[in-house]
Amino acid sequence: MAPFKPDFYRMFAVGFVAGALFVFSTMDTGMGERIANGVVPVAEAQAAQ
């Protein structure tokens, strides 16, 4: 006897795919850069003497 029925695995996969599509559809291309700039300051070189 299997611990879960095949329907469970199928619905889990469908939910995972739907969730992943939702997450990727709500993200725009510059989102990662904005998050990184808010956490890590921009590096600046010191002026040469």
PDB file of N, CA and C in Angstrom:
ATOM      1  N   MET A   1       0.845  -1.188   0.000  1.00  0.00           N
ATOM      2  CA  MET A   1       0.000   0.000   0.000  1.00  0.00           C
ATOM      3  C   MET A   1       0.887   1.246   0.000  1.00  0.00           C
ATOM      4  N   ALA A   2       0.637   2.113  -0.927  1.00  0.00           N
ATOM      5  CA  ALA A   2       1.420   3.346  -1.038  1.00  0.00           C
ATOM      6  C   ALA A   2       0.951   4.356   0.010  1.00  0.00           C
ATOM      7  N   PRO A   3       1.866   5.162   0.529  1.00  0.00           N
ATOM      8  CA  PRO A   3       1.458   6.139   1.546  1.00  0.00           C
ATOM      9  C   PRO A   3       0.535   7.228   0.997  1.00  0.00           C
ATOM     10  N   PHE A   4       0.689   7.563  -0.274  1.00  0.00           N
ATOM     11  CA  PHE A   4      -0.168   8.573  -0.886  1.00  0.00           C
ATOM     12  C   PHE A   4      -0.692   8.057  -2.215  1.00  0.00           C
ATOM     13  N   LYS A   5      -1.867   8.498  -2.570  1.00  0.00           N
ATOM     14  CA  LYS A   5      -2.450   8.105  -3.853  1.00  0.00           C
ATOM     15  C   LYS A   5      -1.807   8.922  -4.975  1.00  0.00           C
ATOM     16  N   PRO A   6      -1.824   8.414  -6.205  1.00  0.00           N
ATOM     17  CA  PRO A   6      -1.227   9.156  -7.330  1.00  0.00           C
ATOM     18  C   PRO A   6      -1.845  10.537  -7.541  1.00  0.00           C
ATOM     19  N   ASP A   7      -3.096  10.715  -7.173  1.00  0.00           N
ATOM     20  CA  ASP A   7      -3.733  12.028  -7.320  1.00  0.00           C
ATOM     21  C   ASP A   7      -3.027  13.087  -6.479  1.00  0.00           C
ATOM     22  N   PHE A   8      -2.527  12.670  -5.313  1.00  0.00           N
ATOM     23  CA  PHE A   8      -1.821  13.609  -4.440  1.00  0.00           C
ATOM     24  C   PHE A   8      -0.585  14.160  -5.142  1.00  0.00           C
ATOM     25  N   TYR A   9       0.207  13.278  -5.734  1.00  0.00           N
ATOM     26  CA  TYR A   9       1.422  13.706  -6.427  1.00  0.00           C
ATOM     27  C   TYR A   9       1.092  14.594  -7.621  1.00  0.00           C
ATOM     28  N   ARG A  10       0.055  14.239  -8.351  1.00  0.00           N
ATOM     29  CA  ARG A  10      -0.348  15.026  -9.511  1.00  0.00           C
ATOM     30  C   ARG A  10      -0.779  16.428  -9.088  1.00  0.00           C
ATOM     31  N   MET A  11      -1.593  16.525  -8.069  1.00  0.00           N
ATOM     32  CA  MET A  11      -2.061  17.833  -7.622  1.00  0.00           C
ATOM     33  C   MET A  11      -0.924  18.647  -7.001  1.00  0.00           C
ATOM     34  N   PHE A  12       0.010  17.974  -6.327  1.00  0.00           N
ATOM     35  CA  PHE A  12       1.173  18.662  -5.782  1.00  0.00           C
ATOM     36  C   PHE A  12       1.996  19.270  -6.915  1.00  0.00           C
ATOM     37  N   ALA A  13       2.202  18.507  -7.982  1.00  0.00           N
ATOM     38  CA  ALA A  13       2.969  19.000  -9.132  1.00  0.00           C
ATOM     39  C   ALA A  13       2.245  20.155  -9.809  1.00  0.00           C
ATOM     40  N   VAL A  14       0.939  20.039  -9.976  1.00  0.00           N
ATOM     41  CA  VAL A  14       0.163  21.115 -10.601  1.00  0.00           C
ATOM     42  C   VAL A  14       0.240  22.377  -9.743  1.00  0.00           C
ATOM     43  N   GLY A  15       0.114  22.237  -8.452  1.00  0.00           N
ATOM     44  CA  GLY A  15       0.201  23.388  -7.554  1.00  0.00           C
ATOM     45  C   GLY A  15       1.577  24.025  -7.566  1.00  0.00           C
ATOM     46  N   PHE A  16       2.604  23.197  -7.619  1.00  0.00           N
ATOM     47  CA  PHE A  16       3.967  23.717  -7.657  1.00  0.00           C
ATOM     48  C   PHE A  16       4.206  24.515  -8.936  1.00  0.00           C
ATOM     49  N   VAL A  17       3.779  23.959 -10.064  1.00  0.00           N
ATOM     50  CA  VAL A  17       3.955  24.644 -11.348  1.00  0.00           C
ATOM     51  C   VAL A  17       3.148  25.938 -11.372  1.00  0.00           C
ATOM     52  N   ALA A  18       1.917  25.891 -10.892  1.00  0.00           N
ATOM     53  CA  ALA A  18       1.083  27.094 -10.877  1.00  0.00           C
ATOM     54  C   ALA A  18       1.698  28.165  -9.977  1.00  0.00           C
ATOM     55  N   GLY A  19       2.205  27.769  -8.828  1.00  0.00           N
ATOM     56  CA  GLY A  19       2.852  28.720  -7.929  1.00  0.00           C
ATOM     57  C   GLY A  19       4.105  29.320  -8.531  1.00  0.00           C
ATOM     58  N   ALA A  20       4.910  28.487  -9.189  1.00  0.00           N
ATOM     59  CA  ALA A  20       6.130  28.985  -9.827  1.00  0.00           C
ATOM     60  C   ALA A  20       5.795  29.964 -10.946  1.00  0.00           C
ATOM     61  N   LEU A  21       4.781  29.654 -11.737  1.00  0.00           N
ATOM     62  CA  LEU A  21       4.366  30.573 -12.801  1.00  0.00           C
ATOM     63  C   LEU A  21       3.868  31.894 -12.227  1.00  0.00           C
ATOM     64  N   PHE A  22       3.146  31.826 -11.123  1.00  0.00           N
ATOM     65  CA  PHE A  22       2.655  33.044 -10.482  1.00  0.00           C
ATOM     66  C   PHE A  22       3.817  33.902  -9.992  1.00  0.00           C
ATOM     67  N   VAL A  23       4.782  33.277  -9.345  1.00  0.00           N
ATOM     68  CA  VAL A  23       5.930  34.030  -8.822  1.00  0.00           C
ATOM     69  C   VAL A  23       6.711  34.674  -9.954  1.00  0.00           C
ATOM     70  N   PHE A  24       7.008  33.910 -11.001  1.00  0.00           N
ATOM     71  CA  PHE A  24       7.789  34.460 -12.100  1.00  0.00           C
ATOM     72  C   PHE A  24       7.012  35.496 -12.907  1.00  0.00           C
ATOM     73  N   SER A  25       5.702  35.389 -12.943  1.00  0.00           N
ATOM     74  CA  SER A  25       4.922  36.374 -13.692  1.00  0.00           C
ATOM     75  C   SER A  25       4.824  37.701 -12.947  1.00  0.00           C
ATOM     76  N   THR A  26       4.967  37.689 -11.622  1.00  0.00           N
ATOM     77  CA  THR A  26       4.876  38.926 -10.857  1.00  0.00           C
ATOM     78  C   THR A  26       6.219  39.626 -10.717  1.00  0.00           C
ATOM     79  N   MET A  27       7.292  38.951 -11.077  1.00  0.00           N
ATOM     80  CA  MET A  27       8.623  39.552 -10.978  1.00  0.00           C
ATOM     81  C   MET A  27       8.961  40.267 -12.280  1.00  0.00           C
ATOM     82  N   ASP A  28       9.504  41.474 -12.152  1.00  0.00           N
ATOM     83  CA  ASP A  28       9.991  42.148 -13.347  1.00  0.00           C
ATOM     84  C   ASP A  28      11.506  41.971 -13.415  1.00  0.00           C
ATOM     85  N   THR A  29      12.114  42.396 -14.495  1.00  0.00           N
ATOM     86  CA  THR A  29      13.524  42.097 -14.720  1.00  0.00           C
ATOM     87  C   THR A  29      14.456  42.825 -13.760  1.00  0.00           C
ATOM     88  N   GLY A  30      14.114  43.982 -13.266  1.00  0.00           N
ATOM     89  CA  GLY A  30      15.003  44.737 -12.393  1.00  0.00           C
ATOM     90  C   GLY A  30      14.780  44.496 -10.918  1.00  0.00           C
ATOM     91  N   MET A  31      13.927  43.575 -10.576  1.00  0.00           N
ATOM     92  CA  MET A  31      13.593  43.366  -9.166  1.00  0.00           C
ATOM     93  C   MET A  31      14.800  42.904  -8.354  1.00  0.00           C
ATOM     94  N   GLY A  32      15.589  41.991  -8.886  1.00  0.00           N
ATOM     95  CA  GLY A  32      16.752  41.488  -8.162  1.00  0.00           C
ATOM     96  C   GLY A  32      17.776  42.572  -7.895  1.00  0.00           C
ATOM     97  N   GLU A  33      17.959  43.457  -8.846  1.00  0.00           N
ATOM     98  CA  GLU A  33      18.908  44.554  -8.668  1.00  0.00           C
ATOM     99  C   GLU A  33      18.437  45.516  -7.585  1.00  0.00           C
ATOM    100  N   ARG A  34      17.152  45.807  -7.550  1.00  0.00           N
ATOM    101  CA  ARG A  34      16.631  46.712  -6.521  1.00  0.00           C
ATOM    102  C   ARG A  34      16.771  46.101  -5.140  1.00  0.00           C
ATOM    103  N   ILE A  35      16.540  44.802  -5.026  1.00  0.00           N
ATOM    104  CA  ILE A  35      16.685  44.139  -3.730  1.00  0.00           C
ATOM    105  C   ILE A  35      18.144  44.162  -3.301  1.00  0.00           C
ATOM    106  N   ALA A  36      19.058  43.843  -4.216  1.00  0.00           N
ATOM    107  CA  ALA A  36      20.483  43.812  -3.893  1.00  0.00           C
ATOM    108  C   ALA A  36      20.987  45.198  -3.514  1.00  0.00           C
ATOM    109  N   ASN A  37      20.558  46.234  -4.212  1.00  0.00           N
ATOM    110  CA  ASN A  37      21.005  47.591  -3.896  1.00  0.00           C
ATOM    111  C   ASN A  37      20.473  48.055  -2.550  1.00  0.00           C
ATOM    112  N   GLY A  38      19.349  47.543  -2.116  1.00  0.00           N
ATOM    113  CA  GLY A  38      18.821  47.906  -0.813  1.00  0.00           C
ATOM    114  C   GLY A  38      19.561  47.231   0.325  1.00  0.00           C
ATOM    115  N   VAL A  39      20.208  46.103   0.054  1.00  0.00           N
ATOM    116  CA  VAL A  39      20.904  45.343   1.093  1.00  0.00           C
ATOM    117  C   VAL A  39      22.394  45.649   1.088  1.00  0.00           C
ATOM    118  N   VAL A  40      22.992  45.665  -0.087  1.00  0.00           N
ATOM    119  CA  VAL A  40      24.433  45.871  -0.228  1.00  0.00           C
ATOM    120  C   VAL A  40      24.658  47.229  -0.883  1.00  0.00           C
ATOM    121  N   PRO A  41      25.452  48.093  -0.255  1.00  0.00           N
ATOM    122  CA  PRO A  41      25.683  49.402  -0.870  1.00  0.00           C
ATOM    123  C   PRO A  41      26.497  49.279  -2.155  1.00  0.00           C
ATOM    124  N   VAL A  42      26.352  50.253  -3.017  1.00  0.00           N
ATOM    125  CA  VAL A  42      27.075  50.277  -4.281  1.00  0.00           C
ATOM    126  C   VAL A  42      28.548  50.543  -3.996  1.00  0.00           C
ATOM    127  N   ALA A  43      29.438  49.778  -4.622  1.00  0.00           N
ATOM    128  CA  ALA A  43      30.879  49.955  -4.428  1.00  0.00           C
ATOM    129  C   ALA A  43      31.361  51.177  -5.194  1.00  0.00           C
ATOM    130  N   GLU A  44      32.231  51.948  -4.553  1.00  0.00           N
ATOM    131  CA  GLU A  44      32.806  53.127  -5.187  1.00  0.00           C
ATOM    132  C   GLU A  44      34.311  53.094  -4.990  1.00  0.00           C
ATOM    133  N   ALA A  45      35.041  53.342  -6.057  1.00  0.00           N
ATOM    134  CA  ALA A  45      36.500  53.356  -5.976  1.00  0.00           C
ATOM    135  C   ALA A  45      36.971  54.676  -5.374  1.00  0.00           C
ATOM    136  N   GLN A  46      38.072  54.594  -4.635  1.00  0.00           N
ATOM    137  CA  GLN A  46      38.649  55.796  -4.057  1.00  0.00           C
ATOM    138  C   GLN A  46      39.416  56.546  -5.142  1.00  0.00           C
ATOM    139  N   ALA A  47      39.388  57.850  -5.081  1.00  0.00           N
ATOM    140  CA  ALA A  47      40.082  58.665  -6.079  1.00  0.00           C
ATOM    141  C   ALA A  47      41.587  58.462  -5.986  1.00  0.00           C
ATOM    142  N   ALA A  48      42.249  58.402  -7.140  1.00  0.00           N
ATOM    143  CA  ALA A  48      43.707  58.241  -7.175  1.00  0.00           C
ATOM    144  C   ALA A  48      44.378  59.527  -6.722  1.00  0.00           C
ATOM    145  N   GLN A  49      45.518  59.378  -6.070  1.00  0.00           N
ATOM    146  CA  GLN A  49      46.237  60.558  -5.561  1.00  0.00           C
ATOM    147  C   GLN A  49      47.452  60.848  -6.390  1.00  0.00           C
TER     148      GLN A  49
END
